[in-house]
C-alpha cells in the first residue's frame, strides 16, 4: 500500500517496510493494521523493549512496585522523570480517545493474527535512561525534570490534525534541534543511539519481508543507519561513574572537614561558627525542600538531622532518608498504584498520590540539601579565609 508514512527499503534482496506513526494517533493504529494485513510480513518489529512490552500487556505491574527499593537505589528522580514524560502522552491520548502506544499493541495483535514473528526492536528503557543519567549530572537532571514537569502541565490545545502533522520529518527534526539546544545529551542518547539500535535489530530480524512499526521521528535515522553494522552490546552498556567523579565526591567533604578542623585549631569560636553554619544551611534548606514537597513532619525532621551528615558523604543523600521516612509513615497502598496513571496527569495528583509524593520528597529534600551544601560550604570557606588571611 502507498502512504507518505510507509517507507520501503531493499536490503540485500530483503524487503524492509518502515511505518512511521504518531504514538497517540487513531490514524496510525488503522494504518498499522492495514499495512500488516496487506503485506503479510515474516516478521513484525515494534518500537518496544521487553520491559515496556511487559508493562503494556501486564497492567497490574505497578501494584508490585517496591517504592522503598527505588528510593534506596537512588532512582527516585529517574522514575519521576519517566512518569512525567509518560503522563503528557497519556493526557493527549485520553483527549483523542486512544491508549498511548496503541499502534504498537495493534502491531503485536496483527503479527499474531497473521502468524508473523514478533521482534521487540527497541533498547531497554532503563539502559536508555541510565545512559542519559550518567551524562547530564545532578543539575542537568533537575533542569530536565522541571522542564518536563512544566511541559506536562501546560495546556496545549492540539487537534488530531496537529498530531498528524507531528509525523512530518521537518517538524520533528526542528523540535529535536530546539530541544538539543538545552539538552544536547538528550537527543544523542534518546534519539540518535536508539536509531542505530533499532536499525540493527530490524536488519537482524528474520525473514524476507519485515514490517517495522516506529515513531515517525526515528525513520530518517534508521534509513541512514540500516546499511551499517553496529554493536548492540556496546549500545546497551551502562558505564559506571568515572573515577574522577568519585574523587571529587570524596574530595569536597574531606576539604570541608579539613578546613573546619584547621580553623578550630587556631580559633575555636570561629570553628564552632563554621560547624553551626554548616548544620543550619544544610539542615534548613533540606527542610525547605521537604516542606515544598509537603512531607510528613517526621520526614521533615529527618531531612534536617541527616542533611548536614549526608552532605559529607557521596554515598548518602538526605532525600533518601526523608523519602524512606515518608514511605514508612505514609506507605503507598494498592489503590495508589491503581490510580497512578490517572493521578500523574495533574499537578494536584502528582503531590497527593502517595507513590509520587514519596519520590517528590526525595527529590526536593535532596535539592534543598545540595543548595545548603553549596551555601554552607561557601560560608565555611569564607570564615577560614578571614581567620587565616584576614587583617
Protein backbone atom coordinates (compact mmCIF):
# COMPACT_ATOMS: atom_id res chain seq x y z
CA UNK A 1 0.00 0.00 0.00
CA UNK A 2 1.10 3.59 -0.67
CA UNK A 3 1.35 6.21 2.06
CA UNK A 4 3.72 9.02 3.00
CA UNK A 5 4.20 7.25 6.34
CA UNK A 6 5.30 3.96 4.74
CA UNK A 7 8.93 3.67 3.62
CA UNK A 8 10.16 0.70 1.58
CA UNK A 9 13.80 -0.34 1.67
CA UNK A 10 15.67 -3.04 -0.21
CA UNK A 11 18.30 -4.66 1.99
CA UNK A 12 20.33 -7.26 0.14
CA UNK A 13 17.26 -8.67 -1.55
CA UNK A 14 15.09 -8.46 1.58
CA UNK A 15 12.17 -6.05 1.80
CA UNK A 16 12.09 -3.78 4.85
CA UNK A 17 8.93 -1.70 5.34
CA UNK A 18 9.12 1.11 7.89
CA UNK A 19 5.80 2.51 9.14
CA UNK A 20 6.11 5.93 10.82
CA UNK A 21 3.49 6.60 13.47
CA UNK A 22 2.39 9.24 15.97
CA UNK A 23 2.11 7.49 19.35
CA UNK A 24 -1.35 8.89 20.15
CA UNK A 25 -2.99 8.88 16.71
CA UNK A 26 -6.05 6.86 15.72
CA UNK A 27 -5.00 7.01 12.07
CA UNK A 28 -1.67 5.42 12.95
CA UNK A 29 -3.44 2.44 14.54
CA UNK A 30 -5.58 1.92 11.45
CA UNK A 31 -2.57 2.28 9.15
CA UNK A 32 -0.53 -0.26 11.11
CA UNK A 33 -3.33 -2.82 10.83
CA UNK A 34 -3.79 -2.19 7.10
CA UNK A 35 -0.07 -2.41 6.27
CA UNK A 36 0.50 -5.68 8.14
CA UNK A 37 -2.61 -7.31 6.69
CA UNK A 38 -1.75 -6.18 3.16
CA UNK A 39 1.96 -7.03 3.29
CA UNK A 40 1.80 -10.33 5.24
CA UNK A 41 5.39 -9.97 6.51
CA UNK A 42 7.50 -12.77 8.02
CA UNK A 43 8.38 -10.55 10.99
CA UNK A 44 6.81 -7.50 12.63
CA UNK A 45 9.19 -5.27 14.58
CA UNK A 46 7.75 -2.87 17.15
CA UNK A 47 9.44 0.05 18.92
CA UNK A 48 9.26 -1.61 22.32
CA UNK A 49 11.76 -3.21 24.68
CA UNK A 50 10.91 -6.21 26.87
CA UNK A 51 10.17 -4.01 29.91
CA UNK A 52 7.79 -1.69 28.03
CA UNK A 53 6.16 -4.67 26.32
CA UNK A 54 5.54 -6.31 29.71
CA UNK A 55 4.12 -3.10 31.18
CA UNK A 56 1.69 -2.80 28.25
CA UNK A 57 0.40 -6.36 28.48
CA UNK A 58 0.56 -6.52 32.31
CA UNK A 59 -1.44 -3.56 33.58
CA UNK A 60 -1.16 -4.87 37.17
CA UNK A 61 2.64 -4.47 37.20
CA UNK A 62 2.58 -1.16 39.10
CA UNK A 63 1.00 -2.91 42.09
CA UNK A 64 4.21 -4.86 42.61
CA UNK A 65 6.47 -1.78 42.61
CA UNK A 66 8.73 -1.60 45.65
CA UNK A 67 8.89 2.14 46.33
CA UNK A 68 11.36 1.65 49.21
CA UNK A 69 13.74 -0.23 46.91
CA UNK A 70 13.53 2.57 44.32
CA UNK A 71 14.43 5.17 46.95
CA UNK A 72 17.30 3.05 48.33
CA UNK A 73 18.76 2.58 44.83
CA UNK A 74 18.72 6.34 44.24
CA UNK A 75 16.29 6.05 41.31
CA UNK A 76 13.57 8.40 42.60
CA UNK A 77 14.35 11.25 40.20
CA UNK A 78 14.73 8.80 37.32
CA UNK A 79 11.29 7.32 37.99
CA UNK A 80 9.70 10.74 38.45
CA UNK A 81 11.08 11.90 35.09
CA UNK A 82 9.74 8.75 33.41
CA UNK A 83 6.31 9.25 34.99
CA UNK A 84 6.23 12.91 33.96
CA UNK A 85 7.24 12.05 30.38
CA UNK A 86 4.58 9.38 30.04
CA UNK A 87 1.83 11.46 31.66
CA UNK A 88 1.83 14.12 28.95
CA UNK A 89 1.43 11.45 26.30
CA UNK A 90 -1.37 9.85 28.32
CA UNK A 91 -3.12 13.20 28.61
CA UNK A 92 -3.03 13.67 24.84
CA UNK A 93 -4.12 10.09 24.30
CA UNK A 94 -7.12 10.49 26.59
CA UNK A 95 -8.09 13.67 24.75
CA UNK A 96 -8.20 11.80 21.45
CA UNK A 97 -9.76 8.64 22.85
CA UNK A 98 -6.81 6.31 22.36
CA UNK A 99 -4.43 4.49 24.65
CA UNK A 100 -0.77 5.57 24.39
CA UNK A 101 1.19 3.04 22.38
CA UNK A 102 -1.98 1.60 20.87
CA UNK A 103 -0.31 1.46 17.45
CA UNK A 104 2.36 -0.82 18.95
CA UNK A 105 -0.32 -3.04 20.51
CA UNK A 106 -2.03 -3.16 17.13
CA UNK A 107 1.26 -4.28 15.59
CA UNK A 108 1.53 -7.04 18.21
CA UNK A 109 -2.08 -8.17 17.62
CA UNK A 110 -1.77 -8.09 13.84
CA UNK A 111 1.50 -10.05 13.92
CA UNK A 112 -0.22 -12.73 15.99
CA UNK A 113 -3.24 -12.80 13.66
CA UNK A 114 -1.16 -13.45 10.52
CA UNK A 115 1.31 -15.77 12.25
CA UNK A 116 4.29 -13.43 11.85
CA UNK A 117 7.23 -13.46 14.25
CA UNK A 118 7.30 -10.55 16.71
CA UNK A 119 10.54 -8.65 17.27
CA UNK A 120 10.90 -6.23 20.20
CA UNK A 121 13.35 -3.89 18.48
CA UNK A 122 13.97 -1.10 20.97
CA UNK A 123 16.73 -0.77 23.54
CA UNK A 124 15.77 -1.39 27.16
CA UNK A 125 14.24 1.80 28.57
CA UNK A 126 16.32 1.51 31.75
CA UNK A 127 19.53 1.40 29.70
CA UNK A 128 18.49 4.49 27.74
CA UNK A 129 17.58 6.45 30.87
CA UNK A 130 20.71 5.38 32.76
CA UNK A 131 22.99 6.28 29.84
CA UNK A 132 21.31 9.68 29.76
CA UNK A 133 21.52 10.00 33.55
CA UNK A 134 25.27 9.37 33.50
CA UNK A 135 25.83 12.25 31.08
CA UNK A 136 23.79 15.17 32.38
CA UNK A 137 24.91 15.49 36.03
CA UNK A 138 22.85 16.44 39.07
CA UNK A 139 21.81 19.93 37.96
CA UNK A 140 21.08 18.63 34.47
CA UNK A 141 18.75 16.03 35.99
CA UNK A 142 16.94 18.71 38.00
CA UNK A 143 16.69 21.02 34.97
CA UNK A 144 15.40 18.21 32.77
CA UNK A 145 12.83 17.14 35.35
CA UNK A 146 11.42 20.65 35.81
CA UNK A 147 11.35 21.22 32.04
CA UNK A 148 9.35 18.02 31.66
CA UNK A 149 7.03 18.97 34.52
CA UNK A 150 6.41 22.44 33.06
CA UNK A 151 5.67 20.99 29.65
CA UNK A 152 3.41 18.40 31.18
CA UNK A 153 1.14 20.89 32.94
CA UNK A 154 1.00 23.48 30.16
CA UNK A 155 -2.34 23.49 28.39
CA UNK A 156 -1.63 22.95 24.72
CA UNK A 157 -4.72 22.98 22.52
CA UNK A 158 -3.73 20.35 19.97
CA UNK A 159 -6.11 18.93 17.40
CA UNK A 160 -5.81 15.48 15.85
CA UNK A 161 -4.68 17.26 12.68
CA UNK A 162 -1.77 18.69 14.71
CA UNK A 163 -0.84 15.17 15.75
CA UNK A 164 -0.78 14.03 12.14
CA UNK A 165 1.45 16.99 11.29
CA UNK A 166 3.84 15.77 14.00
CA UNK A 167 4.67 12.94 11.61
CA UNK A 168 6.37 15.42 9.31
CA UNK A 169 10.12 14.86 9.30
CA UNK A 170 10.82 18.59 9.13
CA UNK A 171 8.68 19.40 12.18
CA UNK A 172 10.16 16.58 14.21
CA UNK A 173 13.71 17.50 13.25
CA UNK A 174 13.06 21.13 14.17
CA UNK A 175 11.58 20.12 17.52
CA UNK A 176 14.55 17.90 18.32
CA UNK A 177 17.01 20.60 17.34
CA UNK A 178 15.25 23.04 19.65
CA UNK A 179 15.37 20.52 22.49
CA UNK A 180 19.02 19.73 21.76
CA UNK A 181 19.98 23.38 22.36
CA UNK A 182 19.07 22.91 26.02
CA UNK A 183 19.91 19.22 26.38
CA UNK A 184 22.28 18.06 23.60
CA UNK A 185 22.79 14.78 25.51
CA UNK A 186 19.05 14.10 25.35
CA UNK A 187 18.87 13.87 21.57
CA UNK A 188 22.11 11.90 21.28
CA UNK A 189 21.03 9.26 23.81
CA UNK A 190 17.26 9.15 23.46
CA UNK A 191 17.04 9.52 19.67
CA UNK A 192 20.34 9.00 17.82
CA UNK A 193 21.58 5.95 19.74
CA UNK A 194 18.19 4.31 19.55
CA UNK A 195 18.01 4.97 15.80
CA UNK A 196 21.19 2.91 15.47
CA UNK A 197 19.92 0.21 17.85
CA UNK A 198 16.54 -0.04 16.10
CA UNK A 199 18.19 -0.14 12.66
CA UNK A 200 20.42 -3.06 13.68
CA UNK A 201 17.56 -5.01 15.28
CA UNK A 202 15.38 -4.52 12.20
CA UNK A 203 18.29 -5.57 9.98
CA UNK A 204 18.78 -8.74 12.06
CA UNK A 205 15.06 -9.62 12.10
CA UNK A 206 14.36 -12.95 10.37
CA UNK A 207 12.50 -13.35 7.09
CA UNK A 208 12.47 -11.91 3.59
CA UNK A 209 9.85 -9.30 4.40
CA UNK A 210 9.91 -7.26 7.62
CA UNK A 211 7.45 -4.57 8.72
CA UNK A 212 8.71 -2.22 11.45
CA UNK A 213 6.29 -0.05 13.46
CA UNK A 214 8.17 3.04 14.64
CA UNK A 215 7.67 6.56 15.95
CA UNK A 216 7.98 8.82 12.90
CA UNK A 217 10.94 10.66 14.40
CA UNK A 218 13.11 7.55 14.11
CA UNK A 219 12.51 6.93 10.40
CA UNK A 220 15.22 9.29 8.97
CA UNK A 221 17.89 7.99 11.36
CA UNK A 222 17.02 4.33 10.75
CA UNK A 223 17.12 4.79 6.96
CA UNK A 224 20.56 6.33 7.36
CA UNK A 225 21.94 3.63 9.69
CA UNK A 226 20.36 0.41 8.47
CA UNK A 227 23.11 -0.41 5.93
CA UNK A 228 25.83 -0.28 8.60
CA UNK A 229 26.92 -2.89 11.12
CA UNK A 230 26.50 -1.81 14.74
CA UNK A 231 27.47 -3.33 18.08
CA UNK A 232 24.27 -3.78 20.11
CA UNK A 233 26.26 -4.84 23.17
CA UNK A 234 28.16 -1.56 23.18
CA UNK A 235 24.94 0.43 22.75
CA UNK A 236 23.48 -1.43 25.75
CA UNK A 237 26.44 -0.83 28.05
CA UNK A 238 25.96 1.47 31.04
CA UNK A 239 29.27 2.86 32.20
CA UNK A 240 29.82 3.17 35.96
CA UNK A 241 30.55 6.62 37.39
CA UNK A 242 34.05 7.78 36.47
CA UNK A 243 36.91 7.70 38.98
CA UNK A 244 37.16 11.48 38.65
CA UNK A 245 33.55 11.84 39.81
CA UNK A 246 34.24 9.59 42.80
CA UNK A 247 37.41 11.50 43.68
CA UNK A 248 35.60 14.85 43.51
CA UNK A 249 32.70 13.39 45.52
CA UNK A 250 35.04 12.48 48.37
CA UNK A 251 37.41 15.45 47.98
CA UNK A 252 34.78 18.09 48.73
CA UNK A 253 33.64 16.71 52.14
CA UNK A 254 37.26 15.96 53.12
CA UNK A 255 38.16 19.55 52.22
CA UNK A 256 35.26 20.93 54.31
CA UNK A 257 36.21 18.79 57.32
CA UNK A 258 39.89 19.78 56.96
CA UNK A 259 39.03 23.49 56.73
CA UNK A 260 36.83 23.35 59.83
CA UNK A 261 39.44 21.37 61.78
CA UNK A 262 42.19 23.82 60.74
CA UNK A 263 40.10 26.82 61.76
CA UNK A 264 39.11 25.15 65.04
CA UNK A 265 42.79 24.58 65.94
CA UNK A 266 43.55 28.30 65.52
CA UNK A 267 40.28 29.96 66.56
CA UNK A 268 37.88 27.73 68.48
CA UNK A 269 34.98 30.24 68.34
CA UNK A 270 35.18 30.59 64.57
CA UNK A 271 35.45 26.82 64.20
CA UNK A 272 32.23 26.43 66.18
CA UNK A 273 30.62 29.10 63.98
CA UNK A 274 31.63 27.08 60.91
CA UNK A 275 30.05 23.92 62.32
CA UNK A 276 26.83 25.76 63.21
CA UNK A 277 26.74 27.41 59.78
CA UNK A 278 27.20 24.03 58.06
CA UNK A 279 24.44 22.43 60.13
CA UNK A 280 21.97 25.29 59.75
CA UNK A 281 22.42 25.83 56.00
CA UNK A 282 22.26 22.13 55.17
CA UNK A 283 19.51 21.32 57.64
CA UNK A 284 17.26 24.31 56.99
CA UNK A 285 17.41 24.04 53.20
CA UNK A 286 16.87 20.29 53.41
CA UNK A 287 13.79 21.09 55.50
CA UNK A 288 12.67 23.70 52.96
CA UNK A 289 12.86 21.10 50.20
CA UNK A 290 10.83 18.63 52.26
CA UNK A 291 8.28 21.36 53.09
CA UNK A 292 7.87 22.18 49.39
CA UNK A 293 7.01 18.53 48.84
CA UNK A 294 4.51 18.66 51.76
CA UNK A 295 6.41 15.92 53.56
CA UNK A 296 5.26 14.39 56.84
CA UNK A 297 6.69 16.19 59.94
CA UNK A 298 8.86 13.15 60.71
CA UNK A 299 10.28 13.23 57.17
CA UNK A 300 10.95 16.97 57.55
CA UNK A 301 12.75 16.32 60.85
CA UNK A 302 14.75 13.55 59.18
CA UNK A 303 15.80 15.94 56.40
CA UNK A 304 17.10 18.42 58.98
CA UNK A 305 19.02 15.83 61.00
CA UNK A 306 20.51 13.92 58.07
CA UNK A 307 21.34 16.78 55.64
CA UNK A 308 24.49 18.07 57.41
CA UNK A 309 25.79 14.49 57.75
CA UNK A 310 24.86 13.16 54.30
CA UNK A 311 26.46 16.19 52.64
CA UNK A 312 29.80 14.94 53.97
CA UNK A 313 29.47 11.59 52.20
CA UNK A 314 28.85 10.95 48.48
CA UNK A 315 27.36 7.59 49.45
CA UNK A 316 24.45 9.18 51.31
CA UNK A 317 21.68 11.61 50.42
CA UNK A 318 19.29 13.42 52.74
CA UNK A 319 16.40 12.83 50.34
CA UNK A 320 16.80 9.07 50.58
CA UNK A 321 16.31 9.12 54.35
CA UNK A 322 13.48 11.66 54.20
CA UNK A 323 11.81 9.66 51.42
CA UNK A 324 12.16 6.38 53.30
CA UNK A 325 10.63 8.00 56.38
CA UNK A 326 7.76 9.31 54.23
CA UNK A 327 7.27 5.85 52.69
CA UNK A 328 7.13 4.21 56.12
CA UNK A 329 4.79 6.78 57.70
CA UNK A 330 2.57 7.20 54.64
CA UNK A 331 3.07 3.85 52.96
CA UNK A 332 1.57 3.72 49.41
CA UNK A 333 -1.17 1.12 49.09
CA UNK A 334 -2.65 -0.78 46.15
CA UNK A 335 -5.13 2.00 45.33
CA UNK A 336 -2.26 4.50 44.96
CA UNK A 337 -0.65 2.30 42.32
CA UNK A 338 -4.00 1.67 40.64
CA UNK A 339 -4.69 5.42 40.33
CA UNK A 340 -1.10 6.35 39.46
CA UNK A 341 -1.65 6.60 35.69
CA UNK A 342 -4.56 8.98 36.25
CA UNK A 343 -3.03 10.99 39.10
CA UNK A 344 0.23 11.87 37.31
CA UNK A 345 -1.75 13.78 34.70
CA UNK A 346 -2.37 16.67 37.10
CA UNK A 347 -0.19 18.73 39.42
CA UNK A 348 -2.51 18.00 42.35
CA UNK A 349 -2.40 14.28 41.61
CA UNK A 350 1.38 14.31 41.50
CA UNK A 351 1.51 15.76 45.01
CA UNK A 352 -1.34 13.72 46.56
CA UNK A 353 -0.67 10.23 45.20
CA UNK A 354 1.47 8.53 47.86
CA UNK A 355 3.76 6.92 45.28
CA UNK A 356 4.79 10.14 43.53
CA UNK A 357 4.63 12.02 46.85
CA UNK A 358 7.44 9.86 48.26
CA UNK A 359 9.50 10.46 45.11
CA UNK A 360 8.93 14.22 45.35
CA UNK A 361 10.06 14.24 48.98
CA UNK A 362 13.28 12.50 47.90
CA UNK A 363 13.94 14.92 45.05
CA UNK A 364 13.11 18.16 46.84
CA UNK A 365 14.91 17.24 50.08
CA UNK A 366 18.00 16.31 48.03
CA UNK A 367 17.79 19.54 46.07
CA UNK A 368 17.47 21.62 49.25
CA UNK A 369 20.36 19.79 50.91
CA UNK A 370 22.55 20.28 47.82
CA UNK A 371 21.90 24.02 47.78
CA UNK A 372 22.57 24.08 51.52
CA UNK A 373 25.89 22.32 50.93
CA UNK A 374 26.93 24.96 48.39
CA UNK A 375 25.95 27.92 50.58
CA UNK A 376 27.16 26.33 53.82
CA UNK A 377 30.44 25.29 52.19
CA UNK A 378 30.99 28.80 50.85
CA UNK A 379 30.39 30.24 54.32
CA UNK A 380 32.81 27.74 55.90
CA UNK A 381 35.50 28.67 53.34
CA UNK A 382 34.81 32.41 53.87
CA UNK A 383 35.32 32.08 57.65
CA UNK A 384 38.52 30.09 57.05
CA UNK A 385 39.92 32.78 54.75
CA UNK A 386 39.01 35.51 57.24
CA UNK A 387 40.73 33.62 60.07
CA UNK A 388 43.98 32.86 58.26
CA UNK A 389 44.28 35.73 55.79
CA UNK A 390 42.13 38.48 57.26
CA UNK A 391 43.71 41.70 58.54
